[in-house]
Structure formats: C-alpha cells, structure tokens
Amino acid sequence: MAEKKKLLLIRFDVTEGNIKTSMKTEGVSPQEALGLLDMAKDQILDNLKKSRKDIFQMEKKD
C-alpha cells in the first residue's frame, strides 16, 4: 500500500521589518508539524555551528 502524501509548507515574508507567515499542510497533524519544525530548527542550528567552526578554522593563525 502506498504511503499517503504529507506536505508542510511554511513561508516567511519579511518586508520593512514586518513578518508575514503562511502555512499549508496536507496530511500532517499539528503534532507532526511541530516535530517537523523542530527538525528544521535542529538542522539550521547544526549548520550554524558548522559555519562558526569553519570561520574559526579560517581565522586561526599558526
């Protein structure tokens, strides 16, 4: 049996300091949406940590 399609789209429009958000879901419960957002946050934080490490390695002087 094929798995049901799940979709979570979130859009942030930032204009002149104002933030507008919109969200579209298909087959995603509110609990799943929170879990997906948490996963995305973790990925962003991991990338930020990696970027910081790269910066410090590039700036390191022997």
PDB file of N, CA and C in Angstrom:
ATOM      1  N   MET A   1       0.840  -1.184   0.000  1.00  0.00           N
ATOM      2  CA  MET A   1       0.000   0.000   0.000  1.00  0.00           C
ATOM      3  C   MET A   1       0.885   1.248   0.000  1.00  0.00           C
ATOM      4  N   ALA A   2       0.551   2.207  -0.824  1.00  0.00           N
ATOM      5  CA  ALA A   2       1.333   3.436  -0.928  1.00  0.00           C
ATOM      6  C   ALA A   2       1.079   4.333   0.283  1.00  0.00           C
ATOM      7  N   GLU A   3       2.149   4.973   0.712  1.00  0.00           N
ATOM      8  CA  GLU A   3       2.023   5.879   1.845  1.00  0.00           C
ATOM      9  C   GLU A   3       1.337   7.171   1.408  1.00  0.00           C
ATOM     10  N   LYS A   4       0.478   7.692   2.275  1.00  0.00           N
ATOM     11  CA  LYS A   4      -0.247   8.918   1.978  1.00  0.00           C
ATOM     12  C   LYS A   4       0.726  10.096   1.916  1.00  0.00           C
ATOM     13  N   LYS A   5       0.526  10.947   0.936  1.00  0.00           N
ATOM     14  CA  LYS A   5       1.379  12.114   0.755  1.00  0.00           C
ATOM     15  C   LYS A   5       1.210  13.067   1.940  1.00  0.00           C
ATOM     16  N   LYS A   6       2.340  13.582   2.433  1.00  0.00           N
ATOM     17  CA  LYS A   6       2.321  14.570   3.511  1.00  0.00           C
ATOM     18  C   LYS A   6       3.076  15.800   3.033  1.00  0.00           C
ATOM     19  N   LEU A   7       2.523  16.963   3.346  1.00  0.00           N
ATOM     20  CA  LEU A   7       3.112  18.205   2.882  1.00  0.00           C
ATOM     21  C   LEU A   7       3.015  19.255   3.986  1.00  0.00           C
ATOM     22  N   LEU A   8       4.117  19.944   4.228  1.00  0.00           N
ATOM     23  CA  LEU A   8       4.148  21.073   5.154  1.00  0.00           C
ATOM     24  C   LEU A   8       4.974  22.168   4.502  1.00  0.00           C
ATOM     25  N   LEU A   9       4.314  23.231   4.115  1.00  0.00           N
ATOM     26  CA  LEU A   9       4.987  24.378   3.505  1.00  0.00           C
ATOM     27  C   LEU A   9       4.808  25.576   4.419  1.00  0.00           C
ATOM     28  N   ILE A  10       5.898  26.229   4.728  1.00  0.00           N
ATOM     29  CA  ILE A  10       5.853  27.425   5.552  1.00  0.00           C
ATOM     30  C   ILE A  10       6.592  28.518   4.817  1.00  0.00           C
ATOM     31  N   ARG A  11       6.000  29.675   4.788  1.00  0.00           N
ATOM     32  CA  ARG A  11       6.602  30.805   4.085  1.00  0.00           C
ATOM     33  C   ARG A  11       6.670  31.997   5.035  1.00  0.00           C
ATOM     34  N   PHE A  12       7.828  32.641   5.039  1.00  0.00           N
ATOM     35  CA  PHE A  12       8.023  33.859   5.817  1.00  0.00           C
ATOM     36  C   PHE A  12       8.317  34.985   4.836  1.00  0.00           C
ATOM     37  N   ASP A  13       7.500  36.015   4.850  1.00  0.00           N
ATOM     38  CA  ASP A  13       7.751  37.210   4.045  1.00  0.00           C
ATOM     39  C   ASP A  13       8.143  38.327   5.001  1.00  0.00           C
ATOM     40  N   VAL A  14       9.364  38.846   4.830  1.00  0.00           N
ATOM     41  CA  VAL A  14       9.843  39.926   5.680  1.00  0.00           C
ATOM     42  C   VAL A  14       9.975  41.169   4.816  1.00  0.00           C
ATOM     43  N   THR A  15       9.166  42.168   5.120  1.00  0.00           N
ATOM     44  CA  THR A  15       9.160  43.401   4.355  1.00  0.00           C
ATOM     45  C   THR A  15       9.160  44.577   5.312  1.00  0.00           C
ATOM     46  N   GLU A  16      10.170  45.408   5.213  1.00  0.00           N
ATOM     47  CA  GLU A  16      10.270  46.624   6.021  1.00  0.00           C
ATOM     48  C   GLU A  16      10.074  46.330   7.511  1.00  0.00           C
ATOM     49  N   GLY A  17      10.683  45.241   7.972  1.00  0.00           N
ATOM     50  CA  GLY A  17      10.612  44.895   9.389  1.00  0.00           C
ATOM     51  C   GLY A  17       9.349  44.158   9.813  1.00  0.00           C
ATOM     52  N   ASN A  18       8.413  43.977   8.911  1.00  0.00           N
ATOM     53  CA  ASN A  18       7.188  43.242   9.212  1.00  0.00           C
ATOM     54  C   ASN A  18       7.329  41.807   8.733  1.00  0.00           C
ATOM     55  N   ILE A  19       6.856  40.875   9.541  1.00  0.00           N
ATOM     56  CA  ILE A  19       6.942  39.463   9.185  1.00  0.00           C
ATOM     57  C   ILE A  19       5.536  38.915   8.971  1.00  0.00           C
ATOM     58  N   LYS A  20       5.335  38.320   7.811  1.00  0.00           N
ATOM     59  CA  LYS A  20       4.063  37.682   7.486  1.00  0.00           C
ATOM     60  C   LYS A  20       4.351  36.204   7.265  1.00  0.00           C
ATOM     61  N   THR A  21       3.592  35.338   7.898  1.00  0.00           N
ATOM     62  CA  THR A  21       3.785  33.904   7.721  1.00  0.00           C
ATOM     63  C   THR A  21       2.536  33.293   7.111  1.00  0.00           C
ATOM     64  N   SER A  22       2.759  32.255   6.335  1.00  0.00           N
ATOM     65  CA  SER A  22       1.643  31.467   5.810  1.00  0.00           C
ATOM     66  C   SER A  22       2.066  30.004   5.840  1.00  0.00           C
ATOM     67  N   MET A  23       1.085  29.135   6.006  1.00  0.00           N
ATOM     68  CA  MET A  23       1.377  27.715   6.132  1.00  0.00           C
ATOM     69  C   MET A  23       0.325  26.914   5.374  1.00  0.00           C
ATOM     70  N   LYS A  24       0.807  25.876   4.713  1.00  0.00           N
ATOM     71  CA  LYS A  24      -0.084  24.963   4.003  1.00  0.00           C
ATOM     72  C   LYS A  24       0.283  23.548   4.435  1.00  0.00           C
ATOM     73  N   THR A  25      -0.716  22.755   4.786  1.00  0.00           N
ATOM     74  CA  THR A  25      -0.461  21.373   5.172  1.00  0.00           C
ATOM     75  C   THR A  25      -1.399  20.442   4.421  1.00  0.00           C
ATOM     76  N   GLU A  26      -0.890  19.262   4.164  1.00  0.00           N
ATOM     77  CA  GLU A  26      -1.697  18.170   3.591  1.00  0.00           C
ATOM     78  C   GLU A  26      -1.291  16.900   4.304  1.00  0.00           C
ATOM     79  N   GLY A  27      -2.217  16.278   5.011  1.00  0.00           N
ATOM     80  CA  GLY A  27      -1.951  15.001   5.656  1.00  0.00           C
ATOM     81  C   GLY A  27      -0.978  15.088   6.816  1.00  0.00           C
ATOM     82  N   VAL A  28      -0.807  16.273   7.404  1.00  0.00           N
ATOM     83  CA  VAL A  28       0.121  16.460   8.518  1.00  0.00           C
ATOM     84  C   VAL A  28      -0.678  16.946   9.725  1.00  0.00           C
ATOM     85  N   SER A  29      -0.560  16.218  10.828  1.00  0.00           N
ATOM     86  CA  SER A  29      -1.251  16.614  12.050  1.00  0.00           C
ATOM     87  C   SER A  29      -0.490  17.754  12.712  1.00  0.00           C
ATOM     88  N   PRO A  30      -1.138  18.493  13.598  1.00  0.00           N
ATOM     89  CA  PRO A  30      -0.429  19.559  14.309  1.00  0.00           C
ATOM     90  C   PRO A  30       0.805  19.039  15.057  1.00  0.00           C
ATOM     91  N   GLN A  31       0.716  17.856  15.640  1.00  0.00           N
ATOM     92  CA  GLN A  31       1.859  17.288  16.349  1.00  0.00           C
ATOM     93  C   GLN A  31       3.010  16.991  15.382  1.00  0.00           C
ATOM     94  N   GLU A  32       2.679  16.455  14.210  1.00  0.00           N
ATOM     95  CA  GLU A  32       3.713  16.187  13.207  1.00  0.00           C
ATOM     96  C   GLU A  32       4.348  17.487  12.724  1.00  0.00           C
ATOM     97  N   ALA A  33       3.532  18.525  12.540  1.00  0.00           N
ATOM     98  CA  ALA A  33       4.046  19.811  12.092  1.00  0.00           C
ATOM     99  C   ALA A  33       5.051  20.355  13.105  1.00  0.00           C
ATOM    100  N   LEU A  34       4.736  20.246  14.391  1.00  0.00           N
ATOM    101  CA  LEU A  34       5.673  20.698  15.424  1.00  0.00           C
ATOM    102  C   LEU A  34       6.970  19.897  15.374  1.00  0.00           C
ATOM    103  N   GLY A  35       6.862  18.593  15.181  1.00  0.00           N
ATOM    104  CA  GLY A  35       8.053  17.754  15.076  1.00  0.00           C
ATOM    105  C   GLY A  35       8.906  18.122  13.877  1.00  0.00           C
ATOM    106  N   LEU A  36       8.258  18.385  12.747  1.00  0.00           N
ATOM    107  CA  LEU A  36       8.995  18.777  11.545  1.00  0.00           C
ATOM    108  C   LEU A  36       9.679  20.129  11.731  1.00  0.00           C
ATOM    109  N   LEU A  37       8.991  21.056  12.376  1.00  0.00           N
ATOM    110  CA  LEU A  37       9.602  22.353  12.652  1.00  0.00           C
ATOM    111  C   LEU A  37      10.802  22.210  13.580  1.00  0.00           C
ATOM    112  N   ASP A  38      10.690  21.325  14.545  1.00  0.00           N
ATOM    113  CA  ASP A  38      11.800  21.087  15.465  1.00  0.00           C
ATOM    114  C   ASP A  38      12.999  20.492  14.729  1.00  0.00           C
ATOM    115  N   MET A  39      12.732  19.583  13.792  1.00  0.00           N
ATOM    116  CA  MET A  39      13.806  19.002  12.980  1.00  0.00           C
ATOM    117  C   MET A  39      14.484  20.080  12.139  1.00  0.00           C
ATOM    118  N   ALA A  40      13.685  20.956  11.542  1.00  0.00           N
ATOM    119  CA  ALA A  40      14.244  22.027  10.721  1.00  0.00           C
ATOM    120  C   ALA A  40      15.096  22.963  11.570  1.00  0.00           C
ATOM    121  N   LYS A  41      14.617  23.283  12.773  1.00  0.00           N
ATOM    122  CA  LYS A  41      15.377  24.145  13.680  1.00  0.00           C
ATOM    123  C   LYS A  41      16.721  23.504  14.014  1.00  0.00           C
ATOM    124  N   ASP A  42      16.705  22.200  14.296  1.00  0.00           N
ATOM    125  CA  ASP A  42      17.949  21.498  14.618  1.00  0.00           C
ATOM    126  C   ASP A  42      18.926  21.535  13.451  1.00  0.00           C
ATOM    127  N   GLN A  43      18.419  21.373  12.232  1.00  0.00           N
ATOM    128  CA  GLN A  43      19.285  21.416  11.056  1.00  0.00           C
ATOM    129  C   GLN A  43      19.897  22.797  10.879  1.00  0.00           C
ATOM    130  N   ILE A  44      19.108  23.839  11.102  1.00  0.00           N
ATOM    131  CA  ILE A  44      19.619  25.207  10.986  1.00  0.00           C
ATOM    132  C   ILE A  44      20.692  25.455  12.032  1.00  0.00           C
ATOM    133  N   LEU A  45      20.443  25.032  13.268  1.00  0.00           N
ATOM    134  CA  LEU A  45      21.430  25.212  14.330  1.00  0.00           C
ATOM    135  C   LEU A  45      22.706  24.432  14.048  1.00  0.00           C
ATOM    136  N   ASP A  46      22.578  23.207  13.518  1.00  0.00           N
ATOM    137  CA  ASP A  46      23.766  22.425  13.160  1.00  0.00           C
ATOM    138  C   ASP A  46      24.577  23.125  12.080  1.00  0.00           C
ATOM    139  N   ASN A  47      23.896  23.658  11.073  1.00  0.00           N
ATOM    140  CA  ASN A  47      24.602  24.378  10.006  1.00  0.00           C
ATOM    141  C   ASN A  47      25.275  25.629  10.545  1.00  0.00           C
ATOM    142  N   LEU A  48      24.627  26.297  11.480  1.00  0.00           N
ATOM    143  CA  LEU A  48      25.217  27.484  12.086  1.00  0.00           C
ATOM    144  C   LEU A  48      26.472  27.116  12.865  1.00  0.00           C
ATOM    145  N   LYS A  49      26.408  26.014  13.608  1.00  0.00           N
ATOM    146  CA  LYS A  49      27.578  25.561  14.363  1.00  0.00           C
ATOM    147  C   LYS A  49      28.726  25.213  13.422  1.00  0.00           C
ATOM    148  N   LYS A  50      28.424  24.531  12.326  1.00  0.00           N
ATOM    149  CA  LYS A  50      29.459  24.173  11.347  1.00  0.00           C
ATOM    150  C   LYS A  50      30.073  25.422  10.739  1.00  0.00           C
ATOM    151  N   SER A  51      29.242  26.401  10.423  1.00  0.00           N
ATOM    152  CA  SER A  51      29.737  27.648   9.839  1.00  0.00           C
ATOM    153  C   SER A  51      30.652  28.354  10.812  1.00  0.00           C
ATOM    154  N   ARG A  52      30.278  28.376  12.086  1.00  0.00           N
ATOM    155  CA  ARG A  52      31.124  29.021  13.087  1.00  0.00           C
ATOM    156  C   ARG A  52      32.464  28.307  13.189  1.00  0.00           C
ATOM    157  N   LYS A  53      32.453  26.980  13.144  1.00  0.00           N
ATOM    158  CA  LYS A  53      33.701  26.228  13.211  1.00  0.00           C
ATOM    159  C   LYS A  53      34.568  26.554  12.006  1.00  0.00           C
ATOM    160  N   ASP A  54      33.946  26.641  10.828  1.00  0.00           N
ATOM    161  CA  ASP A  54      34.705  26.968   9.616  1.00  0.00           C
ATOM    162  C   ASP A  54      35.333  28.358   9.723  1.00  0.00           C
ATOM    163  N   ILE A  55      34.593  29.303  10.272  1.00  0.00           N
ATOM    164  CA  ILE A  55      35.113  30.655  10.423  1.00  0.00           C
ATOM    165  C   ILE A  55      36.320  30.660  11.349  1.00  0.00           C
ATOM    166  N   PHE A  56      36.196  29.971  12.477  1.00  0.00           N
ATOM    167  CA  PHE A  56      37.301  29.955  13.421  1.00  0.00           C
ATOM    168  C   PHE A  56      38.515  29.235  12.842  1.00  0.00           C
ATOM    169  N   GLN A  57      38.300  28.188  12.050  1.00  0.00           N
ATOM    170  CA  GLN A  57      39.421  27.490  11.455  1.00  0.00           C
ATOM    171  C   GLN A  57      40.113  28.372  10.418  1.00  0.00           C
ATOM    172  N   MET A  58      39.333  29.139   9.675  1.00  0.00           N
ATOM    173  CA  MET A  58      39.907  30.021   8.668  1.00  0.00           C
ATOM    174  C   MET A  58      40.689  31.162   9.302  1.00  0.00           C
ATOM    175  N   GLU A  59      40.267  31.613  10.453  1.00  0.00           N
ATOM    176  CA  GLU A  59      40.896  32.744  11.124  1.00  0.00           C
ATOM    177  C   GLU A  59      42.096  32.317  11.963  1.00  0.00           C
ATOM    178  N   LYS A  60      42.233  31.025  12.182  1.00  0.00           N
ATOM    179  CA  LYS A  60      43.291  30.539  13.054  1.00  0.00           C
ATOM    180  C   LYS A  60      44.668  30.839  12.443  1.00  0.00           C
ATOM    181  N   LYS A  61      45.535  31.384  13.299  1.00  0.00           N
ATOM    182  CA  LYS A  61      46.903  31.682  12.843  1.00  0.00           C
ATOM    183  C   LYS A  61      47.863  30.767  13.590  1.00  0.00           C
ATOM    184  N   ASP A  62      48.865  30.260  12.874  1.00  0.00           N
ATOM    185  CA  ASP A  62      49.854  29.354  13.483  1.00  0.00           C
ATOM    186  C   ASP A  62      50.959  30.110  14.168  1.00  0.00           C
TER     187      ASP A  62
END
